[in-house]
Protein backbone atom coordinates (compact mmCIF):
# COMPACT_ATOMS: atom_id res chain seq x y z
CA MET A 1 0.00 0.00 0.00
CA ALA A 2 1.45 3.34 -1.02
CA ILE A 3 1.16 6.33 1.28
CA VAL A 4 0.90 9.68 -0.48
CA LEU A 5 0.51 12.91 1.50
CA GLY A 6 -0.68 10.93 4.51
CA LEU A 7 -3.52 9.20 2.66
CA ALA A 8 -3.52 5.47 2.03
CA TRP A 9 -4.05 4.44 -1.59
CA PRO A 10 -6.68 3.69 -2.97
CA SER A 11 -8.88 5.67 -0.56
CA MET A 12 -7.60 8.96 -1.91
CA LEU A 13 -8.52 8.02 -5.48
CA PHE A 14 -11.98 6.50 -5.08
CA ALA A 15 -15.24 7.07 -3.29
CA PHE A 16 -15.33 5.51 0.17
CA THR A 17 -18.35 3.42 1.22
CA GLN A 18 -18.92 1.48 4.45
CA ALA A 19 -21.13 -1.59 3.97
CA GLU A 20 -22.46 -1.06 7.49
CA THR A 21 -24.15 2.12 6.21
CA TYR A 22 -26.52 -0.09 4.21
CA GLY A 23 -27.31 -2.44 7.10
CA ALA A 24 -24.53 -5.05 7.06
CA SER A 25 -24.08 -6.40 10.57
CA PRO A 26 -22.83 -9.58 12.29
CA GLY A 27 -26.31 -9.87 13.82
CA ALA A 28 -28.23 -9.39 10.56
CA THR A 29 -29.80 -12.21 8.56
CA PRO A 30 -27.84 -13.62 5.60
CA SER A 31 -30.26 -11.98 3.14
CA ILE A 32 -29.90 -8.56 4.76
CA ASN A 33 -26.10 -8.86 4.76
CA VAL A 34 -26.01 -9.83 1.07
CA THR A 35 -28.27 -6.93 0.13
CA ALA A 36 -26.33 -4.42 2.24
CA ILE A 37 -22.86 -5.54 1.17
CA GLN A 38 -23.83 -5.82 -2.50
CA THR A 39 -25.45 -2.38 -2.44
CA ALA A 40 -22.19 -0.95 -1.08
CA LEU A 41 -20.14 -2.86 -3.68
CA ASN A 42 -22.34 -1.49 -6.46
CA GLN A 43 -21.21 2.04 -5.52
CA THR A 44 -17.67 1.13 -6.74
CA GLY A 45 -14.56 2.71 -5.26
CA LEU A 46 -13.31 1.59 -1.85
CA VAL A 47 -15.86 -0.49 0.08
CA THR A 48 -15.08 -1.44 3.66
CA LEU A 49 -16.51 -3.81 6.23
CA THR A 50 -14.98 -2.86 9.57
CA THR A 51 -17.33 -3.87 12.39
CA CYS A 52 -15.81 -6.99 13.97
CA GLY A 53 -17.73 -10.24 13.73
CA THR A 54 -19.00 -12.93 11.37
CA TYR A 55 -21.28 -11.84 8.53
CA ASN A 56 -23.48 -14.68 7.28
CA VAL A 57 -24.43 -14.54 3.58
CA ASN A 58 -26.58 -16.76 1.36
CA ALA A 59 -25.75 -15.47 -2.13
CA PRO A 60 -22.59 -14.51 -4.03
CA LEU A 61 -21.07 -11.06 -3.63
CA VAL A 62 -19.97 -9.50 -6.94
CA VAL A 63 -16.96 -7.19 -6.86
CA SER A 64 -17.01 -5.18 -10.10
CA SER A 65 -14.15 -3.41 -11.82
CA ASN A 66 -12.95 -0.20 -10.16
CA THR A 67 -14.01 -1.58 -6.78
CA TYR A 68 -11.79 -2.49 -3.84
CA PHE A 69 -13.30 -4.53 -1.01
CA GLN A 70 -11.42 -4.18 2.26
CA LEU A 71 -12.24 -6.16 5.41
CA SER A 72 -10.88 -5.53 8.89
CA ASN A 73 -8.75 -8.32 10.34
CA CYS A 74 -11.57 -9.16 12.76
CA VAL A 75 -14.22 -9.63 10.01
CA THR A 76 -15.27 -13.02 8.60
CA ILE A 77 -17.77 -13.56 5.79
CA PHE A 78 -19.41 -16.96 6.16
CA GLU A 79 -21.58 -18.80 3.65
CA VAL A 80 -24.54 -20.33 5.49
CA ASN A 81 -25.03 -24.10 5.35
CA GLY A 82 -26.84 -25.48 2.34
CA THR A 83 -26.07 -22.50 0.11
CA ASN A 84 -23.24 -24.12 -1.89
CA ILE A 85 -22.31 -21.05 -3.95
CA LEU A 86 -19.22 -19.08 -4.88
CA LEU A 87 -18.75 -16.51 -2.14
CA LEU A 88 -17.04 -13.76 -4.15
CA VAL A 89 -17.46 -13.31 -7.88
C-alpha cells in the first residue's frame, strides 16, 4: 500500500463506502447482509466492512471493476449451510 501525502491508496482516489451504512451487521440475517454488502459494492470505489464479527451470507457477492473490497482483520464472511455457492465473484 502506497502512502501519499498521509492518505492510504486507494482511498484517496476512489469514493469511500462502508457496507455497514446499508445495514450489514454480524447480527443481521444472511439476506440482509447480502443486500447491504452488494449495495455498497455497487457504488464502486473503496468499500469497507470494519465492524468486527462474522457476517453470514446466502448469495454470491460480486466485486465489479474499479471496486476495492477491504475487510478488517476481525471480520469473517461466512456462507450459510446449504447455500453451496461461490462466495465472491
